[in-house]
Amino acid sequence: MTQPQTEFLDLYRAGLKTAADMMKASLQSAERLQNQQLVAIRTALDQQSKSISELGQARSIDELLALQTRMAGAQWERAVGFWSELYQTQMAQARDWLSEAANAATATASANMRQLQGEHGSGSSKQERKAA
């Protein structure tokens, strides 16, 4: 196989490995996000059940309004917590992607440099042989 074909195949392999690594990071992030959403849904369902039970025990309009106020505050806190956690997850995913891309680029650049250095080394050996 000629040298350009070998270089192309090495570059192609490195690109495929990088794409696979990026896909893996993306799928792991999607899994984390889905798990977060499932936890949020379960928590909301549990809180809904508790709220219904408490609403059934209210005996006056004042108790009902106090309960409604407490429920609204708890819902607000959960919503803010969910969106905050979602933001943190997205930032972690972005860091993972950037890290994977940087690692892949570094590995590819190192491999190309080694290959170029090998070519220059073998080229100078050929020139020395011709001179001798």
C-alpha atoms as a PDB file:
ATOM      1  CA  MET A   1       0.000   0.000   0.000  1.00  0.00           C
ATOM      2  CA  THR A   2       1.353   3.426  -0.888  1.00  0.00           C
ATOM      3  CA  GLN A   3       2.189   6.025   1.715  1.00  0.00           C
ATOM      4  CA  PRO A   4      -0.764   8.398   0.968  1.00  0.00           C
ATOM      5  CA  GLN A   5      -3.203   5.488   1.215  1.00  0.00           C
ATOM      6  CA  THR A   6      -1.754   4.453   4.567  1.00  0.00           C
ATOM      7  CA  GLU A   7      -1.984   8.024   5.861  1.00  0.00           C
ATOM      8  CA  PHE A   8      -5.559   8.296   4.659  1.00  0.00           C
ATOM      9  CA  LEU A   9      -6.536   5.033   6.358  1.00  0.00           C
ATOM     10  CA  ASP A  10      -4.903   6.150   9.617  1.00  0.00           C
ATOM     11  CA  LEU A  11      -6.751   9.451   9.453  1.00  0.00           C
ATOM     12  CA  TYR A  12     -10.007   7.648   8.628  1.00  0.00           C
ATOM     13  CA  ARG A  13      -9.584   5.271  11.588  1.00  0.00           C
ATOM     14  CA  ALA A  14      -8.853   8.170  13.918  1.00  0.00           C
ATOM     15  CA  GLY A  15     -11.975   9.954  12.678  1.00  0.00           C
ATOM     16  CA  LEU A  16     -14.129   6.870  13.238  1.00  0.00           C
ATOM     17  CA  LYS A  17     -12.719   6.405  16.738  1.00  0.00           C
ATOM     18  CA  THR A  18     -13.404  10.047  17.546  1.00  0.00           C
ATOM     19  CA  ALA A  19     -16.964   9.765  16.245  1.00  0.00           C
ATOM     20  CA  ALA A  20     -17.532   6.615  18.308  1.00  0.00           C
ATOM     21  CA  ASP A  21     -16.142   8.283  21.428  1.00  0.00           C
ATOM     22  CA  MET A  22     -18.354  11.325  20.901  1.00  0.00           C
ATOM     23  CA  MET A  23     -21.399   9.108  20.372  1.00  0.00           C
ATOM     24  CA  LYS A  24     -20.613   7.203  23.563  1.00  0.00           C
ATOM     25  CA  ALA A  25     -20.355  10.435  25.561  1.00  0.00           C
ATOM     26  CA  SER A  26     -23.591  11.685  24.020  1.00  0.00           C
ATOM     27  CA  LEU A  27     -25.485   8.485  24.827  1.00  0.00           C
ATOM     28  CA  GLN A  28     -24.193   8.466  28.386  1.00  0.00           C
ATOM     29  CA  SER A  29     -25.341  12.042  28.792  1.00  0.00           C
ATOM     30  CA  ALA A  30     -28.765  11.222  27.364  1.00  0.00           C
ATOM     31  CA  GLU A  31     -29.033   8.328  29.821  1.00  0.00           C
ATOM     32  CA  ARG A  32     -28.157  10.607  32.756  1.00  0.00           C
ATOM     33  CA  LEU A  33     -30.724  13.146  31.594  1.00  0.00           C
ATOM     34  CA  GLN A  34     -33.415  10.499  31.234  1.00  0.00           C
ATOM     35  CA  ASN A  35     -32.651   9.177  34.725  1.00  0.00           C
ATOM     36  CA  GLN A  36     -32.914  12.711  36.117  1.00  0.00           C
ATOM     37  CA  GLN A  37     -36.275  13.134  34.463  1.00  0.00           C
ATOM     38  CA  LEU A  38     -37.530   9.815  35.847  1.00  0.00           C
ATOM     39  CA  VAL A  39     -36.476  10.809  39.364  1.00  0.00           C
ATOM     40  CA  ALA A  40     -38.232  14.159  38.951  1.00  0.00           C
ATOM     41  CA  ILE A  41     -41.421  12.446  37.751  1.00  0.00           C
ATOM     42  CA  ARG A  42     -41.374   9.952  40.628  1.00  0.00           C
ATOM     43  CA  THR A  43     -40.848  12.745  43.136  1.00  0.00           C
ATOM     44  CA  ALA A  44     -43.678  14.771  41.612  1.00  0.00           C
ATOM     45  CA  LEU A  45     -46.006  11.751  41.776  1.00  0.00           C
ATOM     46  CA  ASP A  46     -45.115  11.127  45.427  1.00  0.00           C
ATOM     47  CA  GLN A  47     -45.675  14.776  46.278  1.00  0.00           C
ATOM     48  CA  GLN A  48     -48.984  14.758  44.409  1.00  0.00           C
ATOM     49  CA  SER A  49     -50.186  11.788  46.458  1.00  0.00           C
ATOM     50  CA  LYS A  50     -49.193  13.508  49.704  1.00  0.00           C
ATOM     51  CA  SER A  51     -50.891  16.727  48.621  1.00  0.00           C
ATOM     52  CA  ILE A  52     -54.141  14.936  47.789  1.00  0.00           C
ATOM     53  CA  SER A  53     -54.079  13.249  51.171  1.00  0.00           C
ATOM     54  CA  GLU A  54     -53.471  16.565  52.956  1.00  0.00           C
ATOM     55  CA  LEU A  55     -56.204  18.286  50.931  1.00  0.00           C
ATOM     56  CA  GLY A  56     -58.643  15.609  52.031  1.00  0.00           C
ATOM     57  CA  GLN A  57     -57.845  16.375  55.664  1.00  0.00           C
ATOM     58  CA  ALA A  58     -58.385  20.137  55.412  1.00  0.00           C
ATOM     59  CA  ARG A  59     -61.405  21.198  57.514  1.00  0.00           C
ATOM     60  CA  SER A  60     -61.644  24.902  56.783  1.00  0.00           C
ATOM     61  CA  ILE A  61     -60.955  27.379  54.039  1.00  0.00           C
ATOM     62  CA  ASP A  62     -58.019  28.778  56.055  1.00  0.00           C
ATOM     63  CA  GLU A  63     -56.419  25.334  56.296  1.00  0.00           C
ATOM     64  CA  LEU A  64     -57.028  24.836  52.592  1.00  0.00           C
ATOM     65  CA  LEU A  65     -55.385  28.155  51.667  1.00  0.00           C
ATOM     66  CA  ALA A  66     -52.436  27.507  53.990  1.00  0.00           C
ATOM     67  CA  LEU A  67     -51.968  24.092  52.412  1.00  0.00           C
ATOM     68  CA  GLN A  68     -52.215  25.581  48.921  1.00  0.00           C
ATOM     69  CA  THR A  69     -49.545  28.154  49.774  1.00  0.00           C
ATOM     70  CA  ARG A  70     -47.240  25.468  51.169  1.00  0.00           C
ATOM     71  CA  MET A  71     -47.759  23.272  48.091  1.00  0.00           C
ATOM     72  CA  ALA A  72     -47.014  26.154  45.717  1.00  0.00           C
ATOM     73  CA  GLY A  73     -43.758  26.916  47.543  1.00  0.00           C
ATOM     74  CA  ALA A  74     -42.695  23.262  47.427  1.00  0.00           C
ATOM     75  CA  GLN A  75     -43.511  23.030  43.718  1.00  0.00           C
ATOM     76  CA  TRP A  76     -41.496  26.160  43.007  1.00  0.00           C
ATOM     77  CA  GLU A  77     -38.496  24.755  44.882  1.00  0.00           C
ATOM     78  CA  ARG A  78     -38.707  21.460  42.979  1.00  0.00           C
ATOM     79  CA  ALA A  79     -38.945  23.258  39.643  1.00  0.00           C
ATOM     80  CA  VAL A  80     -35.929  25.437  40.390  1.00  0.00           C
ATOM     81  CA  GLY A  81     -33.998  22.384  41.634  1.00  0.00           C
ATOM     82  CA  PHE A  82     -34.864  20.409  38.517  1.00  0.00           C
ATOM     83  CA  TRP A  83     -33.803  23.160  36.117  1.00  0.00           C
ATOM     84  CA  SER A  84     -30.638  23.808  38.079  1.00  0.00           C
ATOM     85  CA  GLU A  85     -29.705  20.126  37.955  1.00  0.00           C
ATOM     86  CA  LEU A  86     -30.557  19.999  34.255  1.00  0.00           C
ATOM     87  CA  TYR A  87     -28.269  22.977  33.610  1.00  0.00           C
ATOM     88  CA  GLN A  88     -25.443  21.310  35.529  1.00  0.00           C
ATOM     89  CA  THR A  89     -25.928  18.094  33.543  1.00  0.00           C
ATOM     90  CA  GLN A  90     -25.801  19.963  30.240  1.00  0.00           C
ATOM     91  CA  MET A  91     -22.636  21.781  31.289  1.00  0.00           C
ATOM     92  CA  ALA A  92     -21.033  18.470  32.294  1.00  0.00           C
ATOM     93  CA  GLN A  93     -22.018  17.023  28.912  1.00  0.00           C
ATOM     94  CA  ALA A  94     -20.448  19.961  27.107  1.00  0.00           C
ATOM     95  CA  ARG A  95     -17.244  19.511  29.130  1.00  0.00           C
ATOM     96  CA  ASP A  96     -17.210  15.785  28.296  1.00  0.00           C
ATOM     97  CA  TRP A  97     -17.648  16.494  24.588  1.00  0.00           C
ATOM     98  CA  LEU A  98     -14.906  19.104  24.571  1.00  0.00           C
ATOM     99  CA  SER A  99     -12.599  16.823  26.502  1.00  0.00           C
ATOM    100  CA  GLU A 100     -13.244  13.919  24.117  1.00  0.00           C
ATOM    101  CA  ALA A 101     -12.683  16.145  21.099  1.00  0.00           C
ATOM    102  CA  ALA A 102      -9.472  17.579  22.553  1.00  0.00           C
ATOM    103  CA  ASN A 103      -8.164  14.112  23.431  1.00  0.00           C
ATOM    104  CA  ALA A 104      -8.968  12.808  19.963  1.00  0.00           C
ATOM    105  CA  ALA A 105      -7.348  15.809  18.298  1.00  0.00           C
ATOM    106  CA  THR A 106      -4.249  15.438  20.454  1.00  0.00           C
ATOM    107  CA  ALA A 107      -3.993  11.717  19.732  1.00  0.00           C
ATOM    108  CA  THR A 108      -4.424  12.271  16.002  1.00  0.00           C
ATOM    109  CA  ALA A 109      -1.868  15.084  15.964  1.00  0.00           C
ATOM    110  CA  SER A 110       0.626  12.957  17.924  1.00  0.00           C
ATOM    111  CA  ALA A 111       0.170  10.033  15.558  1.00  0.00           C
ATOM    112  CA  ASN A 112       0.633  12.296  12.537  1.00  0.00           C
ATOM    113  CA  MET A 113       3.763  13.856  14.054  1.00  0.00           C
ATOM    114  CA  ARG A 114       5.259  10.421  14.769  1.00  0.00           C
ATOM    115  CA  GLN A 115       4.472   9.353  11.242  1.00  0.00           C
ATOM    116  CA  LEU A 116       6.035  12.498   9.783  1.00  0.00           C
ATOM    117  CA  GLN A 117       9.109  12.111  11.944  1.00  0.00           C
ATOM    118  CA  GLY A 118       9.391   8.500  10.809  1.00  0.00           C
ATOM    119  CA  GLU A 119       9.154   9.578   7.175  1.00  0.00           C
ATOM    120  CA  HIS A 120      11.846  12.198   7.606  1.00  0.00           C
ATOM    121  CA  GLY A 121      14.050   9.710   9.404  1.00  0.00           C
ATOM    122  CA  SER A 122      13.638   7.084   6.688  1.00  0.00           C
ATOM    123  CA  GLY A 123      14.079   9.732   3.983  1.00  0.00           C
ATOM    124  CA  SER A 124      17.410  10.862   5.402  1.00  0.00           C
ATOM    125  CA  SER A 125      18.550   7.217   5.647  1.00  0.00           C
ATOM    126  CA  LYS A 126      17.800   6.742   1.943  1.00  0.00           C
ATOM    127  CA  GLN A 127      19.754   9.894   1.105  1.00  0.00           C
ATOM    128  CA  GLU A 128      22.691   8.716   3.201  1.00  0.00           C
ATOM    129  CA  ARG A 129      22.634   5.340   1.428  1.00  0.00           C
ATOM    130  CA  LYS A 130      22.622   7.059  -1.983  1.00  0.00           C
ATOM    131  CA  ALA A 131      25.544   9.265  -0.964  1.00  0.00           C
ATOM    132  CA  ALA A 132      27.566   6.254   0.201  1.00  0.00           C
END
